[in-house]
Structures are given as structure tokens and as C-alpha cells.
Amino acid sequence: MKLSELYGKAVTSTDGKTNGWVRGVLGTDGKPQFLQCFDGQEREFDIDIKDIKSIGNDIVFEDRSAVKKACGSIRLGLPAYSESGAFLGHLTEITQSHGGAQYVIGKRKYAAEYVTAGDVIIVRMPRTLKHDVTSADGAIILKKGERLTDGALKKAEDAGEYFQAQMKTI
């Protein structure tokens, strides 16, 4: 992509909303750092080059300012409860690794996908299959004891056994 091709190009956030057009480029040591843009009311805003996801007919970027507005404060020490109301302990740490974020509550770790945080923390315990999920020809799609994660549900749905997977956790 040539720098001259960026000028006047529409900028669209990853949610599909057109935010404006490129007016200029800011950089240091000859390296582009930000796109200077303007919206329909001629208000200026900048897009960090690192936030650009693709350049085609439009420049698609991740709107980090919108993500920031949706964020809340994360505090350690919050009380944590199961979804049935049982006290689990206090949030002592949040760790981040390649497997994703984990909340350390008391002496146990919980995957972030099972945690809802606000004034307190609610932990939704993952459902586990009580029986194998099988296809019509008898092939095992999901095994007994497996957690019913989003990936497992997708696998069952692709095999046409979404409902069976849901029911075999009861």
C-alpha cells in the first residue's frame, strides 16, 4: 500500500461503522504512527497504525476508544460466589497466559469465560457431560466427563447434535 493511496480513504471500525476519512499521516523518523482522520462533522481523531486490521476499499480498524469506554475497574479482594450463592472466597489475583485469563479465588483458579465481575464476582461452574454424545451412526462426538465449552458446543452443532449435547449435561 502506498501512502498516497491512504488519503481520503474511508475508515471503518471492526463493528462495520464508518467513522470518517483519512486526512493525513503522523509519524516519527519517517515511520507512520497514526492516521489523522475527520468525521462527517469535520471533527478530527487519530487512529494508531497498530489498531489497523486491514486495508482494502476501506481501512478497517479496532476502535480501542470504544473498547476503553466499555471497560470497568478491576479490583482485587472482591468477594466471589457461585451462581447458587455459595461463598467461594475473595479474588486474590488475575493471571494472563496463552490459555487466557484466570481468576484466582481463594486457592482455586477459574477461567475468565466462567466469571462475571462487578461489585462482586459470580462464578458459573462449567457444565460437564454425563453421557457420551453420539452421532446417528454411533460415532462418539463428545465423551462423557468432557466440559461443555463453546468449542465443544460448536463441534456438536457441526455434527447436528447440539440439542443432545445440551441435554446430556442434565
N, C-alpha and C. Protein backbone atom coordinates (compact mmCIF):
# COMPACT_ATOMS: atom_id res chain seq x y z
N MET A 1 0.85 -1.18 0.00
CA MET A 1 0.00 0.00 0.00
C MET A 1 0.89 1.23 0.00
N LYS A 2 0.57 2.14 -0.86
CA LYS A 2 1.31 3.40 -0.95
C LYS A 2 0.65 4.42 -0.03
N LEU A 3 1.47 5.26 0.58
CA LEU A 3 0.97 6.28 1.48
C LEU A 3 -0.02 7.20 0.78
N SER A 4 0.24 7.53 -0.47
CA SER A 4 -0.65 8.43 -1.21
C SER A 4 -2.04 7.82 -1.42
N GLU A 5 -2.15 6.49 -1.36
CA GLU A 5 -3.45 5.83 -1.54
C GLU A 5 -4.31 5.88 -0.27
N LEU A 6 -3.72 6.26 0.86
CA LEU A 6 -4.46 6.31 2.12
C LEU A 6 -5.31 7.58 2.23
N TYR A 7 -4.84 8.68 1.64
CA TYR A 7 -5.53 9.95 1.78
C TYR A 7 -6.95 9.88 1.19
N GLY A 8 -7.94 10.30 1.98
CA GLY A 8 -9.33 10.31 1.54
C GLY A 8 -10.03 8.98 1.65
N LYS A 9 -9.31 7.94 2.04
CA LYS A 9 -9.90 6.59 2.18
C LYS A 9 -10.79 6.56 3.41
N ALA A 10 -11.93 5.89 3.32
CA ALA A 10 -12.86 5.75 4.45
C ALA A 10 -12.24 4.87 5.52
N VAL A 11 -12.50 5.20 6.79
CA VAL A 11 -12.07 4.37 7.91
C VAL A 11 -13.31 3.80 8.59
N THR A 12 -13.30 2.49 8.76
CA THR A 12 -14.43 1.76 9.29
C THR A 12 -13.98 0.95 10.49
N SER A 13 -14.73 1.00 11.59
CA SER A 13 -14.38 0.20 12.77
C SER A 13 -14.78 -1.25 12.52
N THR A 14 -14.23 -2.15 13.32
CA THR A 14 -14.49 -3.58 13.13
C THR A 14 -15.95 -3.94 13.29
N ASP A 15 -16.76 -3.07 13.91
CA ASP A 15 -18.19 -3.34 14.02
C ASP A 15 -18.96 -2.90 12.77
N GLY A 16 -18.25 -2.42 11.73
CA GLY A 16 -18.87 -2.07 10.46
C GLY A 16 -19.29 -0.62 10.33
N LYS A 17 -19.08 0.18 11.35
CA LYS A 17 -19.49 1.59 11.33
C LYS A 17 -18.41 2.44 10.66
N THR A 18 -18.81 3.21 9.64
CA THR A 18 -17.86 4.13 9.00
C THR A 18 -17.69 5.34 9.90
N ASN A 19 -16.46 5.59 10.31
CA ASN A 19 -16.18 6.66 11.26
C ASN A 19 -15.72 7.95 10.61
N GLY A 20 -15.22 7.89 9.38
CA GLY A 20 -14.72 9.10 8.73
C GLY A 20 -13.77 8.76 7.60
N TRP A 21 -12.82 9.69 7.36
CA TRP A 21 -11.88 9.56 6.25
C TRP A 21 -10.50 10.01 6.69
N VAL A 22 -9.49 9.51 5.98
CA VAL A 22 -8.10 9.85 6.30
C VAL A 22 -7.78 11.23 5.73
N ARG A 23 -7.22 12.08 6.59
CA ARG A 23 -6.82 13.44 6.22
C ARG A 23 -5.31 13.55 6.11
N GLY A 24 -4.59 12.78 6.92
CA GLY A 24 -3.14 12.87 6.93
C GLY A 24 -2.52 11.72 7.70
N VAL A 25 -1.20 11.73 7.75
CA VAL A 25 -0.45 10.68 8.45
C VAL A 25 0.56 11.35 9.36
N LEU A 26 0.66 10.87 10.61
CA LEU A 26 1.66 11.36 11.56
C LEU A 26 2.71 10.26 11.76
N GLY A 27 3.96 10.66 11.89
CA GLY A 27 5.00 9.66 12.09
C GLY A 27 6.24 10.23 12.74
N THR A 28 7.13 9.33 13.13
CA THR A 28 8.43 9.71 13.68
C THR A 28 9.50 8.96 12.91
N ASP A 29 10.61 9.63 12.65
CA ASP A 29 11.74 9.04 11.92
C ASP A 29 11.31 8.44 10.59
N GLY A 30 10.32 9.07 9.95
CA GLY A 30 9.86 8.60 8.64
C GLY A 30 8.95 7.38 8.70
N LYS A 31 8.61 6.94 9.90
CA LYS A 31 7.76 5.76 10.05
C LYS A 31 6.35 6.20 10.46
N PRO A 32 5.32 5.84 9.67
CA PRO A 32 3.95 6.23 10.03
C PRO A 32 3.53 5.64 11.39
N GLN A 33 2.93 6.47 12.24
CA GLN A 33 2.49 6.04 13.56
C GLN A 33 0.96 6.13 13.71
N PHE A 34 0.38 7.21 13.16
CA PHE A 34 -1.05 7.46 13.31
C PHE A 34 -1.63 7.97 11.99
N LEU A 35 -2.91 7.64 11.76
CA LEU A 35 -3.66 8.25 10.67
C LEU A 35 -4.47 9.38 11.28
N GLN A 36 -4.36 10.56 10.70
CA GLN A 36 -5.20 11.68 11.12
C GLN A 36 -6.48 11.58 10.29
N CYS A 37 -7.60 11.59 10.97
CA CYS A 37 -8.88 11.41 10.28
C CYS A 37 -9.86 12.50 10.70
N PHE A 38 -10.95 12.61 9.95
CA PHE A 38 -12.04 13.51 10.32
C PHE A 38 -13.35 12.80 10.04
N ASP A 39 -14.38 13.17 10.79
CA ASP A 39 -15.70 12.55 10.62
C ASP A 39 -16.61 13.48 9.83
N GLY A 40 -17.89 13.14 9.72
CA GLY A 40 -18.85 13.91 8.95
C GLY A 40 -19.06 15.33 9.44
N GLN A 41 -18.78 15.58 10.72
CA GLN A 41 -18.90 16.94 11.28
C GLN A 41 -17.54 17.65 11.30
N GLU A 42 -16.57 17.10 10.59
CA GLU A 42 -15.21 17.63 10.47
C GLU A 42 -14.46 17.66 11.79
N ARG A 43 -14.85 16.79 12.74
CA ARG A 43 -14.08 16.64 13.99
C ARG A 43 -12.91 15.70 13.69
N GLU A 44 -11.75 16.07 14.22
CA GLU A 44 -10.56 15.27 13.97
C GLU A 44 -10.41 14.17 15.02
N PHE A 45 -9.86 13.04 14.59
CA PHE A 45 -9.49 11.95 15.50
C PHE A 45 -8.33 11.20 14.87
N ASP A 46 -7.58 10.50 15.69
CA ASP A 46 -6.41 9.75 15.22
C ASP A 46 -6.63 8.26 15.40
N ILE A 47 -6.03 7.49 14.51
CA ILE A 47 -6.06 6.03 14.61
C ILE A 47 -4.62 5.55 14.67
N ASP A 48 -4.29 4.79 15.70
CA ASP A 48 -2.95 4.22 15.83
C ASP A 48 -2.79 3.17 14.72
N ILE A 49 -1.68 3.20 14.04
CA ILE A 49 -1.40 2.24 12.95
C ILE A 49 -1.52 0.81 13.48
N LYS A 50 -1.16 0.58 14.75
CA LYS A 50 -1.23 -0.76 15.35
C LYS A 50 -2.65 -1.28 15.42
N ASP A 51 -3.65 -0.38 15.41
CA ASP A 51 -5.05 -0.79 15.52
C ASP A 51 -5.69 -1.10 14.17
N ILE A 52 -4.95 -0.93 13.07
CA ILE A 52 -5.48 -1.22 11.74
C ILE A 52 -5.49 -2.73 11.52
N LYS A 53 -6.66 -3.25 11.14
CA LYS A 53 -6.82 -4.69 10.91
C LYS A 53 -6.65 -5.05 9.44
N SER A 54 -7.14 -4.18 8.53
CA SER A 54 -6.98 -4.45 7.10
C SER A 54 -7.13 -3.16 6.31
N ILE A 55 -6.54 -3.18 5.10
CA ILE A 55 -6.65 -2.05 4.19
C ILE A 55 -7.12 -2.61 2.86
N GLY A 56 -8.30 -2.17 2.44
CA GLY A 56 -8.88 -2.57 1.16
C GLY A 56 -9.58 -1.36 0.59
N ASN A 57 -10.86 -1.53 0.23
CA ASN A 57 -11.64 -0.36 -0.19
C ASN A 57 -11.73 0.64 0.95
N ASP A 58 -11.86 0.12 2.18
CA ASP A 58 -11.86 0.93 3.40
C ASP A 58 -10.66 0.51 4.25
N ILE A 59 -10.34 1.34 5.22
CA ILE A 59 -9.35 0.96 6.23
C ILE A 59 -10.15 0.51 7.45
N VAL A 60 -10.00 -0.76 7.82
CA VAL A 60 -10.73 -1.31 8.95
C VAL A 60 -9.82 -1.29 10.17
N PHE A 61 -10.33 -0.72 11.26
CA PHE A 61 -9.52 -0.60 12.46
C PHE A 61 -10.33 -1.02 13.68
N GLU A 62 -9.61 -1.41 14.73
CA GLU A 62 -10.24 -1.74 16.01
C GLU A 62 -10.36 -0.44 16.79
N ASP A 63 -11.59 -0.08 17.14
CA ASP A 63 -11.85 1.17 17.84
C ASP A 63 -11.56 0.99 19.33
N ARG A 64 -10.30 1.20 19.71
CA ARG A 64 -9.88 0.99 21.10
C ARG A 64 -10.55 1.98 22.05
N SER A 65 -10.92 3.16 21.56
CA SER A 65 -11.58 4.12 22.46
C SER A 65 -12.96 3.59 22.86
N ALA A 66 -13.66 2.92 21.95
CA ALA A 66 -14.96 2.33 22.28
C ALA A 66 -14.78 1.17 23.26
N VAL A 67 -13.71 0.40 23.07
CA VAL A 67 -13.41 -0.70 24.00
C VAL A 67 -13.12 -0.14 25.38
N LYS A 68 -12.36 0.94 25.43
CA LYS A 68 -12.00 1.56 26.71
C LYS A 68 -13.23 2.06 27.45
N LYS A 69 -14.18 2.67 26.73
CA LYS A 69 -15.40 3.16 27.36
C LYS A 69 -16.21 2.04 28.00
N ALA A 70 -16.15 0.84 27.41
CA ALA A 70 -16.91 -0.30 27.93
C ALA A 70 -16.21 -0.97 29.12
N CYS A 71 -14.96 -0.60 29.39
CA CYS A 71 -14.19 -1.23 30.46
C CYS A 71 -14.56 -0.67 31.82
N GLY A 72 -14.41 -1.50 32.83
CA GLY A 72 -14.59 -1.06 34.21
C GLY A 72 -13.35 -1.38 35.02
N SER A 73 -13.31 -0.86 36.21
CA SER A 73 -12.19 -1.07 37.10
C SER A 73 -12.19 -2.52 37.61
N ILE A 74 -11.02 -3.11 37.67
CA ILE A 74 -10.88 -4.46 38.22
C ILE A 74 -10.15 -4.33 39.55
N ARG A 75 -10.80 -4.80 40.61
CA ARG A 75 -10.21 -4.70 41.94
C ARG A 75 -9.99 -6.08 42.52
N LEU A 76 -8.85 -6.26 43.15
CA LEU A 76 -8.60 -7.49 43.89
C LEU A 76 -9.32 -7.39 45.22
N GLY A 77 -9.62 -8.53 45.83
CA GLY A 77 -10.27 -8.55 47.13
C GLY A 77 -11.79 -8.65 47.06
N LEU A 78 -12.35 -8.62 45.85
CA LEU A 78 -13.81 -8.73 45.74
C LEU A 78 -14.29 -10.09 46.23
N PRO A 79 -15.44 -10.16 46.91
CA PRO A 79 -15.98 -11.46 47.29
C PRO A 79 -16.50 -12.19 46.07
N ALA A 80 -16.37 -13.50 46.07
CA ALA A 80 -16.80 -14.32 44.94
C ALA A 80 -17.80 -15.37 45.40
N TYR A 81 -18.83 -15.57 44.57
CA TYR A 81 -19.90 -16.51 44.87
C TYR A 81 -20.17 -17.39 43.67
N SER A 82 -20.63 -18.61 43.94
CA SER A 82 -21.09 -19.46 42.84
C SER A 82 -22.44 -18.94 42.40
N GLU A 83 -22.94 -19.40 41.27
CA GLU A 83 -24.23 -18.92 40.79
C GLU A 83 -25.38 -19.37 41.69
N SER A 84 -25.13 -20.34 42.55
CA SER A 84 -26.16 -20.76 43.51
C SER A 84 -26.07 -19.97 44.82
N GLY A 85 -25.07 -19.07 44.93
CA GLY A 85 -24.95 -18.20 46.10
C GLY A 85 -23.93 -18.64 47.14
N ALA A 86 -23.24 -19.74 46.92
CA ALA A 86 -22.23 -20.22 47.87
C ALA A 86 -20.99 -19.32 47.80
N PHE A 87 -20.50 -18.90 48.97
CA PHE A 87 -19.30 -18.07 49.04
C PHE A 87 -18.08 -18.90 48.68
N LEU A 88 -17.27 -18.43 47.71
CA LEU A 88 -16.10 -19.16 47.25
C LEU A 88 -14.80 -18.60 47.80
N GLY A 89 -14.81 -17.36 48.26
CA GLY A 89 -13.60 -16.71 48.76
C GLY A 89 -13.49 -15.32 48.16
N HIS A 90 -12.29 -14.76 48.24
CA HIS A 90 -12.04 -13.43 47.69
C HIS A 90 -11.08 -13.54 46.51
N LEU A 91 -11.24 -12.62 45.55
CA LEU A 91 -10.35 -12.55 44.40
C LEU A 91 -8.97 -12.12 44.87
N THR A 92 -7.98 -13.00 44.69
CA THR A 92 -6.63 -12.68 45.15
C THR A 92 -5.70 -12.30 44.00
N GLU A 93 -6.03 -12.75 42.77
CA GLU A 93 -5.16 -12.46 41.63
C GLU A 93 -5.87 -12.76 40.33
N ILE A 94 -5.43 -12.12 39.26
CA ILE A 94 -5.85 -12.45 37.91
C ILE A 94 -4.57 -12.69 37.13
N THR A 95 -4.46 -13.86 36.52
CA THR A 95 -3.27 -14.18 35.75
C THR A 95 -3.63 -14.26 34.27
N GLN A 96 -2.67 -13.94 33.43
CA GLN A 96 -2.86 -13.97 31.98
C GLN A 96 -1.79 -14.84 31.38
N SER A 97 -2.19 -15.82 30.56
CA SER A 97 -1.23 -16.67 29.86
C SER A 97 -1.77 -16.96 28.47
N HIS A 98 -1.09 -17.83 27.75
CA HIS A 98 -1.53 -18.16 26.39
C HIS A 98 -2.92 -18.79 26.39
N GLY A 99 -3.28 -19.47 27.48
CA GLY A 99 -4.59 -20.11 27.59
C GLY A 99 -5.70 -19.12 27.93
N GLY A 100 -5.36 -17.87 28.20
CA GLY A 100 -6.35 -16.86 28.54
C GLY A 100 -6.21 -16.44 30.00
N ALA A 101 -7.13 -15.58 30.42
CA ALA A 101 -7.11 -15.07 31.79
C ALA A 101 -7.71 -16.08 32.75
N GLN A 102 -7.15 -16.11 33.96
CA GLN A 102 -7.68 -16.96 35.02
C GLN A 102 -7.81 -16.12 36.28
N TYR A 103 -8.94 -16.29 36.97
CA TYR A 103 -9.20 -15.61 38.22
C TYR A 103 -8.82 -16.55 39.35
N VAL A 104 -7.98 -16.08 40.27
CA VAL A 104 -7.60 -16.87 41.43
C VAL A 104 -8.49 -16.42 42.58
N ILE A 105 -9.35 -17.31 43.02
CA ILE A 105 -10.29 -17.04 44.11
C ILE A 105 -10.01 -18.06 45.19
N GLY A 106 -9.61 -17.56 46.36
CA GLY A 106 -9.17 -18.49 47.41
C GLY A 106 -7.94 -19.20 46.90
N LYS A 107 -7.99 -20.51 46.84
CA LYS A 107 -6.85 -21.29 46.34
C LYS A 107 -7.15 -21.95 45.00
N ARG A 108 -8.30 -21.62 44.40
CA ARG A 108 -8.69 -22.22 43.12
C ARG A 108 -8.61 -21.21 42.00
N LYS A 109 -8.41 -21.72 40.78
CA LYS A 109 -8.38 -20.88 39.58
C LYS A 109 -9.62 -21.16 38.74
N TYR A 110 -10.17 -20.08 38.17
CA TYR A 110 -11.35 -20.20 37.33
C TYR A 110 -11.07 -19.47 36.01
N ALA A 111 -11.40 -20.10 34.89
CA ALA A 111 -11.21 -19.48 33.58
C ALA A 111 -12.13 -18.26 33.48
N ALA A 112 -11.63 -17.22 32.84
CA ALA A 112 -12.37 -15.96 32.73
C ALA A 112 -13.72 -16.14 32.06
N GLU A 113 -13.86 -17.13 31.18
CA GLU A 113 -15.14 -17.33 30.49
C GLU A 113 -16.26 -17.74 31.45
N TYR A 114 -15.92 -18.19 32.66
CA TYR A 114 -16.93 -18.60 33.64
C TYR A 114 -17.15 -17.56 34.74
N VAL A 115 -16.49 -16.40 34.60
CA VAL A 115 -16.53 -15.38 35.66
C VAL A 115 -17.23 -14.12 35.16
N THR A 116 -18.10 -13.58 36.00
CA THR A 116 -18.72 -12.28 35.75
C THR A 116 -18.32 -11.39 36.92
N ALA A 117 -17.69 -10.25 36.62
CA ALA A 117 -17.19 -9.36 37.67
C ALA A 117 -17.97 -8.06 37.67
N GLY A 118 -18.25 -7.57 38.85
CA GLY A 118 -18.90 -6.29 39.07
C GLY A 118 -18.56 -5.85 40.47
N ASP A 119 -19.58 -5.57 41.30
CA ASP A 119 -19.34 -5.27 42.71
C ASP A 119 -18.92 -6.53 43.46
N VAL A 120 -19.36 -7.67 42.97
CA VAL A 120 -18.94 -8.97 43.46
C VAL A 120 -18.61 -9.81 42.24
N ILE A 121 -18.05 -10.98 42.47
CA ILE A 121 -17.74 -11.89 41.37
C ILE A 121 -18.68 -13.08 41.46
N ILE A 122 -19.27 -13.42 40.33
CA ILE A 122 -20.12 -14.60 40.24
C ILE A 122 -19.41 -15.60 39.33
N VAL A 123 -19.25 -16.83 39.82
CA VAL A 123 -18.60 -17.88 39.04
C VAL A 123 -19.66 -18.87 38.61
N ARG A 124 -19.76 -19.03 37.30
CA ARG A 124 -20.68 -20.01 36.72
C ARG A 124 -19.85 -21.27 36.47
N MET A 125 -20.20 -22.33 37.16
CA MET A 125 -19.44 -23.57 37.03
C MET A 125 -19.71 -24.20 35.67
N PRO A 126 -18.66 -24.67 34.99
CA PRO A 126 -18.86 -25.26 33.67
C PRO A 126 -19.67 -26.56 33.76
N ARG A 127 -20.51 -26.76 32.77
CA ARG A 127 -21.30 -27.99 32.73
C ARG A 127 -20.44 -29.11 32.17
N THR A 128 -20.66 -30.31 32.69
CA THR A 128 -19.91 -31.48 32.27
C THR A 128 -20.87 -32.53 31.72
N LEU A 129 -20.45 -33.19 30.65
CA LEU A 129 -21.30 -34.21 30.04
C LEU A 129 -21.40 -35.44 30.94
N LYS A 130 -22.62 -35.90 31.16
CA LYS A 130 -22.86 -37.07 31.99
C LYS A 130 -22.91 -38.36 31.15
N HIS A 131 -23.01 -38.22 29.83
CA HIS A 131 -23.04 -39.34 28.89
C HIS A 131 -22.32 -38.92 27.61
N ASP A 132 -21.87 -39.90 26.82
CA ASP A 132 -21.28 -39.60 25.52
C ASP A 132 -22.32 -38.97 24.60
N VAL A 133 -21.88 -38.06 23.76
CA VAL A 133 -22.74 -37.51 22.71
C VAL A 133 -22.33 -38.24 21.43
N THR A 134 -23.30 -38.90 20.82
CA THR A 134 -23.02 -39.72 19.64
C THR A 134 -23.80 -39.24 18.43
N SER A 135 -23.28 -39.55 17.26
CA SER A 135 -23.98 -39.23 16.02
C SER A 135 -24.99 -40.34 15.73
N ALA A 136 -25.77 -40.17 14.68
CA ALA A 136 -26.80 -41.16 14.31
C ALA A 136 -26.18 -42.51 13.98
N ASP A 137 -24.94 -42.52 13.47
CA ASP A 137 -24.28 -43.79 13.13
C ASP A 137 -23.48 -44.37 14.30
N GLY A 138 -23.57 -43.75 15.49
CA GLY A 138 -22.94 -44.28 16.69
C GLY A 138 -21.54 -43.75 16.98
N ALA A 139 -21.01 -42.87 16.13
CA ALA A 139 -19.67 -42.31 16.36
C ALA A 139 -19.73 -41.33 17.54
N ILE A 140 -18.71 -41.39 18.40
CA ILE A 140 -18.67 -40.51 19.57
C ILE A 140 -18.18 -39.13 19.14
N ILE A 141 -19.00 -38.11 19.41
CA ILE A 141 -18.66 -36.72 19.09
C ILE A 141 -17.99 -36.07 20.28
N LEU A 142 -18.59 -36.23 21.47
CA LEU A 142 -18.05 -35.71 22.72
C LEU A 142 -18.10 -36.83 23.75
N LYS A 143 -17.08 -36.94 24.58
CA LYS A 143 -17.00 -38.02 25.56
C LYS A 143 -17.58 -37.63 26.91
N LYS A 144 -18.08 -38.60 27.61
CA LYS A 144 -18.57 -38.42 28.98
C LYS A 144 -17.47 -37.79 29.82
N GLY A 145 -17.83 -36.80 30.66
CA GLY A 145 -16.86 -36.14 31.53
C GLY A 145 -16.24 -34.90 30.91
N GLU A 146 -16.43 -34.70 29.60
CA GLU A 146 -15.88 -33.53 28.92
C GLU A 146 -16.68 -32.29 29.30
N ARG A 147 -15.98 -31.16 29.46
CA ARG A 147 -16.66 -29.89 29.75
C ARG A 147 -17.36 -29.39 28.50
N LEU A 148 -18.52 -28.83 28.71
CA LEU A 148 -19.31 -28.30 27.60
C LEU A 148 -18.90 -26.85 27.35
N THR A 149 -17.76 -26.67 26.71
CA THR A 149 -17.23 -25.34 26.39
C THR A 149 -17.84 -24.86 25.07
N ASP A 150 -17.53 -23.64 24.71
CA ASP A 150 -18.01 -23.11 23.42
C ASP A 150 -17.50 -23.96 22.27
N GLY A 151 -16.26 -24.41 22.36
CA GLY A 151 -15.68 -25.25 21.31
C GLY A 151 -16.38 -26.60 21.21
N ALA A 152 -16.70 -27.19 22.36
CA ALA A 152 -17.41 -28.47 22.36
C ALA A 152 -18.82 -28.31 21.78
N LEU A 153 -19.48 -27.22 22.15
CA LEU A 153 -20.82 -26.97 21.60
C LEU A 153 -20.77 -26.77 20.09
N LYS A 154 -19.75 -26.09 19.60
CA LYS A 154 -19.59 -25.89 18.16
C LYS A 154 -19.39 -27.22 17.45
N LYS A 155 -18.59 -28.09 18.05
CA LYS A 155 -18.33 -29.41 17.49
C LYS A 155 -19.63 -30.22 17.41
N ALA A 156 -20.43 -30.16 18.48
CA ALA A 156 -21.71 -30.86 18.50
C ALA A 156 -22.68 -30.26 17.48
N GLU A 157 -22.69 -28.95 17.38
CA GLU A 157 -23.58 -28.27 16.42
C GLU A 157 -23.21 -28.66 14.99
N ASP A 158 -21.92 -28.70 14.68
CA ASP A 158 -21.47 -29.08 13.34
C ASP A 158 -21.89 -30.50 12.99
N ALA A 159 -21.98 -31.36 14.01
CA ALA A 159 -22.40 -32.75 13.79
C ALA A 159 -23.92 -32.91 13.85
N GLY A 160 -24.63 -31.80 14.09
CA GLY A 160 -26.09 -31.87 14.17
C GLY A 160 -26.61 -32.39 15.49
N GLU A 161 -25.79 -32.34 16.53
CA GLU A 161 -26.17 -32.89 17.83
C GLU A 161 -26.09 -31.86 18.95
N TYR A 162 -26.38 -30.61 18.64
CA TYR A 162 -26.33 -29.53 19.62
C TYR A 162 -27.29 -29.79 20.78
N PHE A 163 -28.52 -30.13 20.46
CA PHE A 163 -29.54 -30.37 21.50
C PHE A 163 -29.13 -31.55 22.38
N GLN A 164 -28.63 -32.62 21.78
CA GLN A 164 -28.19 -33.79 22.55
C GLN A 164 -27.08 -33.40 23.52
N ALA A 165 -26.14 -32.57 23.07
CA ALA A 165 -25.04 -32.14 23.94
C ALA A 165 -25.57 -31.35 25.12
N GLN A 166 -26.53 -30.47 24.88
CA GLN A 166 -27.13 -29.69 25.96
C GLN A 166 -27.84 -30.59 26.96
N MET A 167 -28.60 -31.53 26.47
CA MET A 167 -29.41 -32.39 27.33
C MET A 167 -28.56 -33.37 28.15
N LYS A 168 -27.44 -33.79 27.65
CA LYS A 168 -26.63 -34.78 28.36
C LYS A 168 -25.77 -34.18 29.46
N THR A 169 -26.00 -32.91 29.80
CA THR A 169 -25.35 -32.31 30.96
C THR A 169 -26.30 -32.28 32.15
N ILE A 170 -27.54 -32.63 31.93
CA ILE A 170 -28.57 -32.59 32.99
C ILE A 170 -28.55 -33.88 33.78
